[in-house]
Amino acid sequence: MQYIFAFLVGGAICFVGQILIDKTKLTPARILTGYVVAGVIISAVGLYQPLVDFAGAGASVPLCGFGHLMAQGVKTAVDQYGAIGILKGGLIAGSAGICSAIVFSLVASLLSKSKEK
């Protein structure tokens, strides 16, 4: 049942993104940034953690889940380090995902051949 909830919630998040791409003049970069900011805002209000508890990876894997991760990291770091946690928290919480994105991008660039125009 958990897989079904993850699929439905993740699919709904992707569905909203696709509607935004098709029906608005927003660029994909702005939509992706909006998803991260929305995840931070929904997390700050306290509504995102119950969604993660309900849908698991369906809510934590999309970009709004990354915003939630950053917000929780900042909250934890501020409690632990004080004001400097505002700067450290998001990087500490998201470091594994950020590092993975950089490494996999490097590997993809090494394995693929660029096309000249």
Protein backbone atom coordinates (compact mmCIF):
# COMPACT_ATOMS: atom_id res chain seq x y z
CA MET A 1 0.00 0.00 0.00
CA GLN A 2 2.93 2.31 0.72
CA TYR A 3 4.02 1.99 -2.93
CA ILE A 4 0.60 3.08 -4.12
CA PHE A 5 0.60 6.15 -1.89
CA ALA A 6 4.14 7.03 -3.01
CA PHE A 7 3.15 6.64 -6.66
CA LEU A 8 -0.01 8.73 -6.29
CA VAL A 9 1.61 11.58 -4.37
CA GLY A 10 4.74 11.66 -6.54
CA GLY A 11 2.57 11.47 -9.64
CA ALA A 12 0.40 14.33 -8.43
CA ILE A 13 3.48 16.49 -7.82
CA CYS A 14 4.76 15.71 -11.33
CA PHE A 15 1.29 16.28 -12.79
CA VAL A 16 1.18 19.80 -11.36
CA GLY A 17 4.63 20.49 -12.80
CA GLN A 18 3.57 19.26 -16.23
CA ILE A 19 0.45 21.43 -16.14
CA LEU A 20 2.64 24.43 -15.25
CA ILE A 21 4.94 23.68 -18.19
CA ASP A 22 2.06 23.21 -20.66
CA LYS A 23 -0.31 25.99 -19.59
CA THR A 24 1.99 28.82 -18.42
CA LYS A 25 4.92 30.68 -19.88
CA LEU A 26 7.11 29.75 -16.91
CA THR A 27 10.44 28.25 -17.85
CA PRO A 28 11.31 24.82 -16.47
CA ALA A 29 14.06 26.40 -14.35
CA ARG A 30 11.54 28.71 -12.68
CA ILE A 31 9.15 25.84 -12.06
CA LEU A 32 11.91 23.74 -10.49
CA THR A 33 12.98 26.64 -8.30
CA GLY A 34 9.36 27.21 -7.35
CA TYR A 35 9.08 23.58 -6.28
CA VAL A 36 12.09 23.90 -3.98
CA VAL A 37 10.76 27.13 -2.47
CA ALA A 38 7.29 25.59 -2.08
CA GLY A 39 8.86 22.65 -0.24
CA VAL A 40 10.58 25.06 2.16
CA ILE A 41 7.39 27.02 2.76
CA ILE A 42 5.19 23.95 3.24
CA SER A 43 7.81 22.50 5.58
CA ALA A 44 7.97 25.74 7.57
CA VAL A 45 4.21 25.64 8.04
CA GLY A 46 4.54 22.06 9.28
CA LEU A 47 2.54 20.32 6.56
CA TYR A 48 5.29 18.57 4.62
CA GLN A 49 6.48 16.11 7.25
CA PRO A 50 3.02 14.48 7.55
CA LEU A 51 3.02 14.16 3.74
CA VAL A 52 6.45 12.46 3.85
CA ASP A 53 5.20 10.16 6.61
CA PHE A 54 2.18 9.26 4.45
CA ALA A 55 3.81 8.93 1.01
CA GLY A 56 7.46 8.20 1.79
CA ALA A 57 9.65 8.54 -1.30
CA GLY A 58 6.71 9.89 -3.31
CA ALA A 59 7.03 13.10 -1.31
CA SER A 60 10.70 13.12 -0.32
CA VAL A 61 12.29 12.46 -3.74
CA PRO A 62 10.79 15.30 -5.87
CA LEU A 63 12.25 18.79 -5.73
CA CYS A 64 9.82 19.98 -3.10
CA GLY A 65 11.25 17.19 -0.94
CA PHE A 66 14.69 18.76 -1.44
CA GLY A 67 13.28 22.05 -0.15
CA HIS A 68 11.87 20.21 2.85
CA LEU A 69 15.27 18.60 3.47
CA MET A 70 16.99 22.00 3.33
CA ALA A 71 14.46 23.57 5.70
CA GLN A 72 14.82 20.74 8.22
CA GLY A 73 18.61 20.97 7.98
CA VAL A 74 18.56 24.70 8.70
CA LYS A 75 16.17 24.20 11.61
CA THR A 76 18.40 21.53 13.15
CA ALA A 77 21.60 23.50 12.58
CA VAL A 78 20.15 26.68 14.11
CA ASP A 79 19.20 24.71 17.21
CA GLN A 80 22.69 23.21 17.37
CA TYR A 81 25.02 26.03 16.19
CA GLY A 82 22.98 29.20 16.58
CA ALA A 83 22.80 31.86 13.86
CA ILE A 84 25.64 30.36 11.81
CA GLY A 85 23.36 27.33 11.35
CA ILE A 86 21.36 29.41 8.86
CA LEU A 87 24.29 29.12 6.47
CA LYS A 88 25.49 25.64 7.45
CA GLY A 89 22.24 23.74 7.85
CA GLY A 90 21.07 23.47 4.27
CA LEU A 91 24.51 22.48 3.02
CA ILE A 92 24.98 19.87 5.72
CA ALA A 93 21.56 18.33 5.12
CA GLY A 94 21.78 18.37 1.34
CA SER A 95 25.48 17.57 0.97
CA ALA A 96 24.98 13.95 -0.13
CA GLY A 97 22.51 14.90 -2.86
CA ILE A 98 24.56 17.87 -4.03
CA CYS A 99 27.76 15.79 -4.15
CA SER A 100 25.99 12.98 -6.01
CA ALA A 101 24.65 15.40 -8.61
CA ILE A 102 28.13 16.80 -9.20
CA VAL A 103 29.80 13.37 -9.44
CA PHE A 104 27.15 11.89 -11.75
CA SER A 105 27.26 15.01 -13.95
CA LEU A 106 31.02 14.63 -14.23
CA VAL A 107 30.72 10.94 -15.11
CA ALA A 108 28.03 11.69 -17.71
CA SER A 109 30.19 14.40 -19.27
CA LEU A 110 33.15 12.03 -19.48
CA LEU A 111 31.12 9.21 -21.03
CA SER A 112 29.22 11.25 -23.58
CA LYS A 113 30.42 13.05 -26.66
CA SER A 114 29.41 16.64 -27.29
CA LYS A 115 27.93 17.61 -30.62
CA GLU A 116 29.20 20.59 -32.57
CA LYS A 117 26.63 22.90 -34.09
